[in-house]
Protein backbone atom coordinates (compact mmCIF):
# COMPACT_ATOMS: atom_id res chain seq x y z
CA MET A 1 -83.83 -30.39 -68.07
CA LEU A 2 -81.18 -27.74 -67.85
CA GLN A 3 -78.94 -27.86 -70.96
CA VAL A 4 -75.41 -27.32 -70.13
CA PRO A 5 -73.34 -26.03 -72.97
CA GLU A 6 -69.74 -27.01 -73.20
CA LYS A 7 -67.33 -24.75 -71.15
CA SER A 8 -66.43 -21.76 -73.51
CA ASP A 9 -65.02 -18.41 -73.34
CA TYR A 10 -66.83 -15.34 -72.28
CA PHE A 11 -67.39 -14.20 -75.90
CA SER A 12 -68.80 -17.29 -77.14
CA MET A 13 -71.27 -17.46 -74.04
CA PHE A 14 -72.78 -14.31 -75.33
CA GLU A 15 -72.43 -15.32 -79.15
CA ILE A 16 -70.24 -12.32 -79.85
CA PRO A 17 -66.98 -12.03 -81.78
CA ARG A 18 -63.70 -11.74 -79.83
CA LYS A 19 -63.06 -8.00 -80.34
CA LEU A 20 -61.94 -5.20 -78.20
CA TRP A 21 -64.99 -3.10 -78.85
CA ILE A 22 -68.31 -4.75 -78.61
CA GLU A 23 -71.88 -3.37 -78.86
CA MET A 24 -72.98 -2.93 -75.29
CA GLY A 25 -76.65 -2.93 -76.10
CA GLY A 26 -76.32 -6.57 -77.56
CA LEU A 27 -74.15 -7.70 -74.65
CA GLU A 28 -76.88 -6.44 -72.04
CA LYS A 29 -79.81 -7.94 -74.15
CA LYS A 30 -78.06 -11.45 -74.35
CA PHE A 31 -77.08 -11.21 -70.58
CA LEU A 32 -80.72 -10.50 -69.55
CA GLN A 33 -82.06 -13.31 -71.72
CA LEU A 34 -79.49 -15.90 -70.40
CA SER A 35 -79.96 -14.67 -66.68
CA TRP A 36 -83.56 -15.33 -66.78
CA LYS A 37 -82.97 -18.87 -68.47
CA LEU A 38 -80.44 -19.80 -66.05
CA HIS A 39 -81.83 -18.19 -62.90
CA PRO A 40 -81.89 -20.67 -59.88
CA ASP A 41 -85.47 -19.68 -59.04
CA ASN A 42 -86.51 -21.38 -62.29
CA TYR A 43 -85.20 -24.68 -61.01
CA VAL A 44 -86.64 -24.92 -57.50
CA ASN A 45 -88.67 -28.21 -58.53
CA ALA A 46 -85.70 -29.53 -60.41
CA THR A 47 -83.35 -32.30 -59.28
CA PRO A 48 -80.33 -31.17 -56.93
CA GLU A 49 -77.92 -31.65 -59.83
CA GLU A 50 -79.88 -29.31 -62.05
CA ARG A 51 -80.11 -26.69 -59.23
CA GLU A 52 -76.39 -26.91 -58.63
CA ILE A 53 -75.70 -26.51 -62.54
CA SER A 54 -78.12 -23.54 -62.69
CA LEU A 55 -76.27 -21.86 -59.81
CA ARG A 56 -72.81 -22.41 -61.18
CA ARG A 57 -73.80 -21.34 -64.63
CA SER A 58 -75.61 -18.27 -63.41
CA SER A 59 -72.34 -17.30 -61.37
CA GLU A 60 -70.29 -17.86 -64.56
CA LEU A 61 -72.54 -15.78 -66.47
CA ASN A 62 -72.44 -12.94 -64.01
CA ASP A 63 -68.61 -13.17 -64.07
CA ALA A 64 -68.56 -13.15 -67.86
CA TYR A 65 -70.86 -10.06 -68.12
CA ARG A 66 -68.69 -8.02 -65.48
CA THR A 67 -65.61 -8.84 -67.40
CA LEU A 68 -66.87 -7.91 -70.88
CA ARG A 69 -68.74 -4.71 -69.91
CA GLU A 70 -65.66 -3.22 -68.45
CA PRO A 71 -63.04 -2.14 -71.07
CA VAL A 72 -59.88 -2.87 -69.11
CA ALA A 73 -61.11 -6.18 -67.80
CA ARG A 74 -62.31 -7.12 -71.30
CA VAL A 75 -58.79 -6.26 -72.88
CA GLU A 76 -56.93 -8.17 -70.18
CA TYR A 77 -59.29 -11.29 -70.64
CA LEU A 78 -59.01 -10.98 -74.35
CA LEU A 79 -55.15 -10.87 -74.14
CA ALA A 80 -55.33 -13.83 -71.56
CA ILE A 81 -57.38 -16.03 -73.99
CA GLU A 82 -55.68 -15.00 -77.14
CA GLY A 83 -52.09 -14.66 -75.96
CA ALA A 84 -49.59 -17.34 -76.70
CA ARG A 85 -46.42 -18.16 -74.88
CA VAL A 86 -43.39 -17.39 -76.93
CA GLU A 87 -41.02 -20.44 -76.66
CA GLY A 88 -37.99 -19.91 -74.44
CA ARG A 89 -39.37 -16.61 -72.85
CA ASN A 90 -41.89 -15.68 -70.16
CA LYS A 91 -43.39 -12.95 -72.38
CA GLN A 92 -46.91 -13.25 -73.96
CA GLN A 93 -47.39 -12.65 -77.51
CA ALA A 94 -50.74 -11.04 -78.61
CA PRO A 95 -52.41 -12.14 -81.97
CA PRO A 96 -51.71 -9.79 -84.77
CA GLU A 97 -55.32 -8.77 -85.30
CA LEU A 98 -55.45 -7.69 -81.65
CA LEU A 99 -52.35 -5.47 -82.05
CA GLU A 100 -53.58 -3.97 -85.17
CA GLU A 101 -56.90 -3.13 -83.53
CA VAL A 102 -54.89 -1.59 -80.56
CA PHE A 103 -52.85 0.43 -82.89
CA GLU A 104 -55.75 1.83 -84.75
CA LEU A 105 -57.41 2.81 -81.44
CA ASN A 106 -54.27 4.63 -80.36
CA GLU A 107 -54.14 6.50 -83.76
CA SER A 108 -57.74 7.68 -83.23
CA LEU A 109 -56.98 8.81 -79.74
CA ASP A 110 -54.02 10.79 -80.90
CA GLU A 111 -56.12 12.40 -83.67
CA LEU A 112 -58.83 13.20 -81.07
CA ARG A 113 -56.14 14.98 -78.79
CA GLU A 114 -54.70 16.80 -81.65
CA ALA A 115 -58.21 18.09 -82.63
CA LYS A 116 -58.93 19.17 -79.11
CA THR A 117 -55.62 20.87 -78.74
CA SER A 118 -55.94 22.75 -82.01
CA ALA A 119 -59.37 23.94 -81.15
CA GLY A 120 -57.93 25.61 -78.13
CA ASP A 121 -59.69 23.08 -75.75
CA THR A 122 -58.15 23.40 -72.28
CA THR A 123 -59.72 20.10 -71.26
CA ALA A 124 -57.72 18.19 -73.90
CA LEU A 125 -57.10 14.55 -73.24
CA LYS A 126 -53.68 14.17 -71.61
CA HIS A 127 -51.32 11.79 -73.31
CA ASN A 128 -50.18 9.07 -70.77
């Protein structure tokens, strides 16, 4: 019988922490394991309900993998699930840990740009 875990976010689906930067090798390995386990071909002789669950969960898994492997989609998703509405405003507030991580990443990018510029690299990253 196909076991259906409770509906969860994409990060917990892959058993990884909710972070901006994730280890891609681990994500891919877990995706392949879950894909094989949930693949509809494994449920050809199962009940119609189990085949439907397999198809739905397999589709959810693919959506989750596509979202988490793409940095921009991952950030947008993380903000969507971690963001909280500020009362009386239509603005979303990101959690402090996420903002701190973004700040640190921006500092690292600035340092990289400075190093490339001071080394005379004409292909230095442009600051947007």
